[in-house]
Structure formats: C-alpha cells, structure tokens
Amino acid sequence: MAHGDITHIDIPVSDLAKAQAFYSGLFGWEISEMPGYEGYPMWQAPNKISGGGLAPRSDDFTQPRSYVEVDSIEETVAAAVASGATVLMEKQPISETSWWAVISDPDGNSIGLYEGASE
C-alpha cells in the first residue's frame, strides 16, 4: 500500500463471539485470530482487500477507527501536530517491521497511523 491509503479499520466490540457472528453473518466477512494476536480477531471483506480487526471496547475506544498507511509515523505526527492535531498514542511496535500510532485531528476525530510491512 502507498502513503495515504487506508489499510485497516478497527471496530470496538464488547463481546467478541457475538460480534464475529454478527459481522460474518451480515456481511460475509471471514473472521479469525492470527497466531500471536489472540483476542484480536481480524476480519476480511469478500473483496479480499478491505479488512481490519474486532478490538476490545474501552473508555478511550468507542467508535470505529481507520488506519492510514504512512511512510514515516514520526514525520506524519510532526506534520499533524503542526496543523493542530494532538497525539493520542505515541508510536508503538506491532511487529519487528511495523508500527502504529493514533492522533486526533483538530475536530477530535481519532485516526490511526500505520507504518511498515504486513506479515
């Protein structure tokens, strides 16, 4: 994927089993857990392009969040902050070759950033 592409959408859920049944039944999404990411089932749409995860709902994660591919999280965060954004979560590793961070745009919308290679 290229800089600026939406790579992933997380949906906050309270009951993983119920959410898996709901989304797979309603949309035909394939949903399964990946080794090393237990408790975070990943979904893939029938087009085999769109996808994301069913993530545990929390006080600070109550709405779906899109993740945007960036060439550099550090550079993107700096540009976002200079344009009025705030950092909700600093850069964190996902794997040895990928990282994520979360910002809030000037209107308060939460946006995830993704840098790296998908496994």
N, C-alpha and C. Protein backbone atom coordinates (compact mmCIF):
# COMPACT_ATOMS: atom_id res chain seq x y z
N MET A 1 0.84 -1.18 0.00
CA MET A 1 0.00 0.00 0.00
C MET A 1 0.88 1.24 0.00
N ALA A 2 0.30 2.33 -0.40
CA ALA A 2 1.04 3.58 -0.53
C ALA A 2 0.66 4.56 0.58
N HIS A 3 1.53 5.54 0.79
CA HIS A 3 1.27 6.60 1.76
C HIS A 3 -0.11 7.20 1.48
N GLY A 4 -0.94 7.25 2.52
CA GLY A 4 -2.28 7.82 2.38
C GLY A 4 -3.39 6.81 2.18
N ASP A 5 -3.05 5.55 1.88
CA ASP A 5 -4.08 4.51 1.72
C ASP A 5 -4.62 4.10 3.09
N ILE A 6 -5.92 3.85 3.15
CA ILE A 6 -6.50 3.28 4.36
C ILE A 6 -6.18 1.79 4.34
N THR A 7 -5.53 1.33 5.39
CA THR A 7 -5.06 -0.05 5.41
C THR A 7 -5.88 -0.98 6.29
N HIS A 8 -6.63 -0.41 7.23
CA HIS A 8 -7.19 -1.25 8.28
C HIS A 8 -8.28 -0.46 9.00
N ILE A 9 -9.33 -1.14 9.44
CA ILE A 9 -10.37 -0.50 10.25
C ILE A 9 -10.63 -1.37 11.46
N ASP A 10 -10.44 -0.79 12.65
CA ASP A 10 -10.76 -1.49 13.89
C ASP A 10 -12.16 -1.13 14.33
N ILE A 11 -12.91 -2.13 14.77
CA ILE A 11 -14.27 -1.93 15.28
C ILE A 11 -14.27 -2.34 16.75
N PRO A 12 -14.62 -1.42 17.67
CA PRO A 12 -14.65 -1.77 19.08
C PRO A 12 -15.86 -2.63 19.41
N VAL A 13 -15.62 -3.72 20.13
CA VAL A 13 -16.71 -4.63 20.49
C VAL A 13 -16.59 -5.03 21.96
N SER A 14 -17.73 -5.34 22.57
CA SER A 14 -17.75 -5.80 23.97
C SER A 14 -17.75 -7.31 24.07
N ASP A 15 -18.31 -7.99 23.07
CA ASP A 15 -18.41 -9.44 23.09
C ASP A 15 -17.88 -9.96 21.76
N LEU A 16 -16.66 -10.51 21.78
CA LEU A 16 -16.01 -10.94 20.53
C LEU A 16 -16.81 -12.00 19.79
N ALA A 17 -17.32 -13.00 20.50
CA ALA A 17 -18.06 -14.08 19.83
C ALA A 17 -19.33 -13.54 19.17
N LYS A 18 -20.04 -12.69 19.88
CA LYS A 18 -21.27 -12.12 19.34
C LYS A 18 -20.96 -11.23 18.12
N ALA A 19 -19.90 -10.44 18.21
CA ALA A 19 -19.51 -9.58 17.10
C ALA A 19 -19.08 -10.39 15.89
N GLN A 20 -18.33 -11.47 16.11
CA GLN A 20 -17.91 -12.33 15.00
C GLN A 20 -19.13 -12.90 14.28
N ALA A 21 -20.10 -13.40 15.04
CA ALA A 21 -21.31 -13.96 14.44
C ALA A 21 -22.09 -12.88 13.69
N PHE A 22 -22.18 -11.69 14.27
CA PHE A 22 -22.92 -10.60 13.65
C PHE A 22 -22.30 -10.20 12.30
N TYR A 23 -21.00 -9.88 12.30
CA TYR A 23 -20.36 -9.37 11.08
C TYR A 23 -20.17 -10.44 10.01
N SER A 24 -19.87 -11.65 10.41
CA SER A 24 -19.72 -12.70 9.39
C SER A 24 -21.08 -13.04 8.79
N GLY A 25 -22.12 -13.07 9.61
CA GLY A 25 -23.45 -13.37 9.10
C GLY A 25 -24.03 -12.26 8.26
N LEU A 26 -23.82 -11.02 8.67
CA LEU A 26 -24.40 -9.88 7.98
C LEU A 26 -23.68 -9.55 6.67
N PHE A 27 -22.33 -9.55 6.70
CA PHE A 27 -21.56 -9.11 5.54
C PHE A 27 -20.76 -10.20 4.85
N GLY A 28 -20.74 -11.40 5.42
CA GLY A 28 -19.94 -12.46 4.82
C GLY A 28 -18.45 -12.31 5.06
N TRP A 29 -18.08 -11.53 6.10
CA TRP A 29 -16.67 -11.35 6.41
C TRP A 29 -16.06 -12.63 6.95
N GLU A 30 -14.84 -12.93 6.52
CA GLU A 30 -14.07 -14.01 7.10
C GLU A 30 -13.38 -13.44 8.34
N ILE A 31 -13.58 -14.07 9.49
CA ILE A 31 -13.03 -13.55 10.74
C ILE A 31 -12.28 -14.67 11.45
N SER A 32 -11.01 -14.39 11.79
CA SER A 32 -10.22 -15.38 12.51
C SER A 32 -9.10 -14.69 13.27
N GLU A 33 -8.61 -15.38 14.30
CA GLU A 33 -7.48 -14.87 15.06
C GLU A 33 -6.19 -15.33 14.41
N MET A 34 -5.21 -14.46 14.41
CA MET A 34 -3.89 -14.77 13.86
C MET A 34 -2.99 -15.20 15.00
N PRO A 35 -2.08 -16.13 14.77
CA PRO A 35 -1.13 -16.51 15.82
C PRO A 35 -0.36 -15.28 16.32
N GLY A 36 -0.30 -15.15 17.63
CA GLY A 36 0.37 -14.02 18.24
C GLY A 36 -0.55 -12.84 18.51
N TYR A 37 -1.77 -12.89 17.99
CA TYR A 37 -2.73 -11.81 18.18
C TYR A 37 -4.05 -12.36 18.74
N GLU A 38 -3.94 -13.29 19.67
CA GLU A 38 -5.13 -13.89 20.27
C GLU A 38 -5.96 -12.81 20.97
N GLY A 39 -7.26 -12.93 20.90
CA GLY A 39 -8.16 -11.95 21.50
C GLY A 39 -8.37 -10.73 20.61
N TYR A 40 -7.84 -10.78 19.40
CA TYR A 40 -7.99 -9.69 18.44
C TYR A 40 -8.27 -10.30 17.07
N PRO A 41 -9.51 -10.82 16.87
CA PRO A 41 -9.82 -11.43 15.58
C PRO A 41 -9.79 -10.42 14.44
N MET A 42 -9.22 -10.85 13.34
CA MET A 42 -9.10 -10.00 12.16
C MET A 42 -10.22 -10.35 11.18
N TRP A 43 -10.79 -9.34 10.53
CA TRP A 43 -11.83 -9.57 9.54
C TRP A 43 -11.33 -9.17 8.16
N GLN A 44 -11.86 -9.88 7.16
CA GLN A 44 -11.56 -9.56 5.78
C GLN A 44 -12.86 -9.61 4.98
N ALA A 45 -13.07 -8.56 4.20
CA ALA A 45 -14.28 -8.48 3.38
C ALA A 45 -14.16 -9.43 2.19
N PRO A 46 -15.28 -9.77 1.56
CA PRO A 46 -15.25 -10.66 0.41
C PRO A 46 -14.34 -10.18 -0.73
N ASN A 47 -14.08 -8.87 -0.84
CA ASN A 47 -13.22 -8.38 -1.92
C ASN A 47 -11.74 -8.70 -1.68
N LYS A 48 -11.42 -9.26 -0.52
CA LYS A 48 -10.05 -9.65 -0.12
C LYS A 48 -9.12 -8.45 -0.04
N ILE A 49 -9.66 -7.23 -0.04
CA ILE A 49 -8.86 -6.01 0.09
C ILE A 49 -9.17 -5.34 1.42
N SER A 50 -10.44 -5.06 1.68
CA SER A 50 -10.83 -4.39 2.91
C SER A 50 -10.70 -5.34 4.10
N GLY A 51 -10.28 -4.78 5.22
CA GLY A 51 -10.17 -5.60 6.42
C GLY A 51 -9.81 -4.78 7.62
N GLY A 52 -9.75 -5.48 8.75
CA GLY A 52 -9.42 -4.82 10.00
C GLY A 52 -9.52 -5.80 11.14
N GLY A 53 -9.85 -5.28 12.30
CA GLY A 53 -9.92 -6.12 13.48
C GLY A 53 -11.14 -5.81 14.32
N LEU A 54 -11.50 -6.77 15.15
CA LEU A 54 -12.51 -6.56 16.17
C LEU A 54 -11.74 -6.41 17.48
N ALA A 55 -11.67 -5.18 17.96
CA ALA A 55 -10.83 -4.86 19.11
C ALA A 55 -11.68 -4.65 20.36
N PRO A 56 -11.15 -4.99 21.51
CA PRO A 56 -11.90 -4.79 22.75
C PRO A 56 -12.29 -3.32 22.94
N ARG A 57 -13.55 -3.10 23.23
CA ARG A 57 -14.05 -1.75 23.50
C ARG A 57 -13.46 -1.28 24.83
N SER A 58 -13.14 0.01 24.91
CA SER A 58 -12.64 0.60 26.15
C SER A 58 -13.15 2.03 26.25
N ASP A 59 -12.89 2.68 27.38
CA ASP A 59 -13.36 4.06 27.56
C ASP A 59 -12.81 5.00 26.50
N ASP A 60 -11.59 4.73 26.03
CA ASP A 60 -10.99 5.62 25.03
C ASP A 60 -11.07 5.05 23.61
N PHE A 61 -11.82 3.97 23.44
CA PHE A 61 -12.00 3.39 22.09
C PHE A 61 -13.45 2.94 21.96
N THR A 62 -14.30 3.87 21.52
CA THR A 62 -15.74 3.60 21.46
C THR A 62 -16.33 3.68 20.06
N GLN A 63 -15.54 4.13 19.09
CA GLN A 63 -16.00 4.27 17.71
C GLN A 63 -15.00 3.60 16.78
N PRO A 64 -15.46 3.11 15.61
CA PRO A 64 -14.50 2.53 14.66
C PRO A 64 -13.38 3.52 14.33
N ARG A 65 -12.19 2.96 14.10
CA ARG A 65 -11.02 3.78 13.79
C ARG A 65 -10.36 3.27 12.53
N SER A 66 -10.17 4.16 11.57
CA SER A 66 -9.44 3.82 10.34
C SER A 66 -7.95 4.07 10.57
N TYR A 67 -7.14 3.23 9.93
CA TYR A 67 -5.68 3.36 9.99
C TYR A 67 -5.18 3.71 8.59
N VAL A 68 -4.32 4.71 8.53
CA VAL A 68 -3.79 5.20 7.27
C VAL A 68 -2.32 4.82 7.17
N GLU A 69 -1.94 4.26 6.03
CA GLU A 69 -0.54 3.92 5.76
C GLU A 69 0.26 5.21 5.59
N VAL A 70 1.40 5.28 6.27
CA VAL A 70 2.29 6.44 6.13
C VAL A 70 3.71 5.97 5.92
N ASP A 71 4.50 6.78 5.25
CA ASP A 71 5.91 6.45 5.03
C ASP A 71 6.70 6.55 6.33
N SER A 72 6.34 7.51 7.19
CA SER A 72 7.04 7.72 8.46
C SER A 72 6.04 8.23 9.49
N ILE A 73 5.86 7.47 10.55
CA ILE A 73 4.96 7.92 11.61
C ILE A 73 5.50 9.21 12.23
N GLU A 74 6.81 9.26 12.48
CA GLU A 74 7.38 10.45 13.12
C GLU A 74 7.11 11.71 12.29
N GLU A 75 7.35 11.65 10.99
CA GLU A 75 7.14 12.81 10.13
C GLU A 75 5.65 13.16 10.04
N THR A 76 4.80 12.15 9.95
CA THR A 76 3.36 12.40 9.84
C THR A 76 2.82 13.00 11.13
N VAL A 77 3.25 12.48 12.28
CA VAL A 77 2.81 13.03 13.56
C VAL A 77 3.27 14.48 13.69
N ALA A 78 4.50 14.77 13.34
CA ALA A 78 5.01 16.14 13.43
C ALA A 78 4.19 17.09 12.56
N ALA A 79 3.89 16.67 11.33
CA ALA A 79 3.08 17.50 10.42
C ALA A 79 1.66 17.66 10.96
N ALA A 80 1.11 16.59 11.52
CA ALA A 80 -0.25 16.66 12.05
C ALA A 80 -0.32 17.61 13.24
N VAL A 81 0.63 17.51 14.16
CA VAL A 81 0.66 18.38 15.33
C VAL A 81 0.83 19.84 14.89
N ALA A 82 1.68 20.07 13.92
CA ALA A 82 1.88 21.43 13.40
C ALA A 82 0.60 21.99 12.78
N SER A 83 -0.29 21.09 12.35
CA SER A 83 -1.55 21.51 11.74
C SER A 83 -2.72 21.48 12.72
N GLY A 84 -2.44 21.25 14.01
CA GLY A 84 -3.50 21.33 15.02
C GLY A 84 -3.95 20.01 15.62
N ALA A 85 -3.34 18.91 15.22
CA ALA A 85 -3.72 17.61 15.78
C ALA A 85 -3.07 17.40 17.16
N THR A 86 -3.57 16.42 17.88
CA THR A 86 -2.95 16.00 19.13
C THR A 86 -2.62 14.52 19.03
N VAL A 87 -1.64 14.10 19.79
CA VAL A 87 -1.21 12.71 19.80
C VAL A 87 -1.98 11.98 20.90
N LEU A 88 -2.72 10.95 20.52
CA LEU A 88 -3.46 10.14 21.49
C LEU A 88 -2.63 8.94 21.95
N MET A 89 -1.79 8.42 21.04
CA MET A 89 -0.90 7.31 21.39
C MET A 89 0.37 7.46 20.57
N GLU A 90 1.49 7.50 21.25
CA GLU A 90 2.79 7.58 20.58
C GLU A 90 3.04 6.31 19.78
N LYS A 91 4.01 6.34 18.90
CA LYS A 91 4.39 5.20 18.06
C LYS A 91 4.69 3.98 18.93
N GLN A 92 4.07 2.85 18.58
CA GLN A 92 4.24 1.59 19.29
C GLN A 92 4.52 0.48 18.28
N PRO A 93 5.31 -0.52 18.63
CA PRO A 93 5.54 -1.62 17.69
C PRO A 93 4.34 -2.55 17.61
N ILE A 94 4.12 -3.06 16.41
CA ILE A 94 3.15 -4.14 16.19
C ILE A 94 3.94 -5.44 16.03
N SER A 95 4.99 -5.35 15.22
CA SER A 95 5.90 -6.48 15.00
C SER A 95 7.30 -5.88 14.81
N GLU A 96 8.23 -6.69 14.41
CA GLU A 96 9.59 -6.19 14.18
C GLU A 96 9.66 -5.25 12.99
N THR A 97 8.67 -5.31 12.10
CA THR A 97 8.72 -4.50 10.88
C THR A 97 7.52 -3.57 10.71
N SER A 98 6.72 -3.37 11.76
CA SER A 98 5.56 -2.50 11.63
C SER A 98 5.25 -1.80 12.96
N TRP A 99 4.66 -0.60 12.84
CA TRP A 99 4.36 0.23 14.00
C TRP A 99 3.03 0.94 13.79
N TRP A 100 2.47 1.45 14.90
CA TRP A 100 1.25 2.21 14.82
C TRP A 100 1.27 3.34 15.82
N ALA A 101 0.43 4.33 15.60
CA ALA A 101 0.24 5.46 16.50
C ALA A 101 -1.18 5.96 16.26
N VAL A 102 -1.66 6.81 17.16
CA VAL A 102 -3.01 7.36 17.00
C VAL A 102 -2.96 8.86 17.26
N ILE A 103 -3.58 9.61 16.37
CA ILE A 103 -3.70 11.06 16.53
C ILE A 103 -5.18 11.43 16.56
N SER A 104 -5.42 12.65 16.99
CA SER A 104 -6.76 13.22 16.93
C SER A 104 -6.67 14.47 16.07
N ASP A 105 -7.50 14.55 15.05
CA ASP A 105 -7.48 15.72 14.17
C ASP A 105 -8.05 16.94 14.91
N PRO A 106 -7.98 18.14 14.33
CA PRO A 106 -8.47 19.33 15.03
C PRO A 106 -9.95 19.27 15.43
N ASP A 107 -10.73 18.39 14.79
CA ASP A 107 -12.14 18.23 15.15
C ASP A 107 -12.38 17.13 16.17
N GLY A 108 -11.30 16.46 16.63
CA GLY A 108 -11.45 15.43 17.63
C GLY A 108 -11.63 14.03 17.08
N ASN A 109 -11.48 13.84 15.76
CA ASN A 109 -11.60 12.51 15.16
C ASN A 109 -10.32 11.73 15.38
N SER A 110 -10.47 10.51 15.84
CA SER A 110 -9.33 9.63 16.08
C SER A 110 -8.91 8.96 14.77
N ILE A 111 -7.62 9.05 14.44
CA ILE A 111 -7.08 8.48 13.20
C ILE A 111 -5.85 7.65 13.55
N GLY A 112 -5.85 6.40 13.13
CA GLY A 112 -4.68 5.55 13.35
C GLY A 112 -3.69 5.72 12.22
N LEU A 113 -2.41 5.60 12.56
CA LEU A 113 -1.34 5.65 11.57
C LEU A 113 -0.63 4.30 11.58
N TYR A 114 -0.27 3.82 10.40
CA TYR A 114 0.41 2.53 10.26
C TYR A 114 1.64 2.72 9.39
N GLU A 115 2.77 2.18 9.85
CA GLU A 115 4.00 2.22 9.08
C GLU A 115 4.61 0.83 9.11
N GLY A 116 5.03 0.34 7.96
CA GLY A 116 5.75 -0.93 7.93
C GLY A 116 5.21 -1.91 6.94
N ALA A 117 5.64 -3.15 7.16
CA ALA A 117 5.26 -4.26 6.28
C ALA A 117 4.30 -5.17 7.01
N SER A 118 3.21 -5.54 6.33
CA SER A 118 2.26 -6.50 6.89
C SER A 118 2.84 -7.89 6.78
N GLU A 119 2.59 -8.70 7.78
CA GLU A 119 3.09 -10.07 7.77
C GLU A 119 2.09 -11.01 7.14
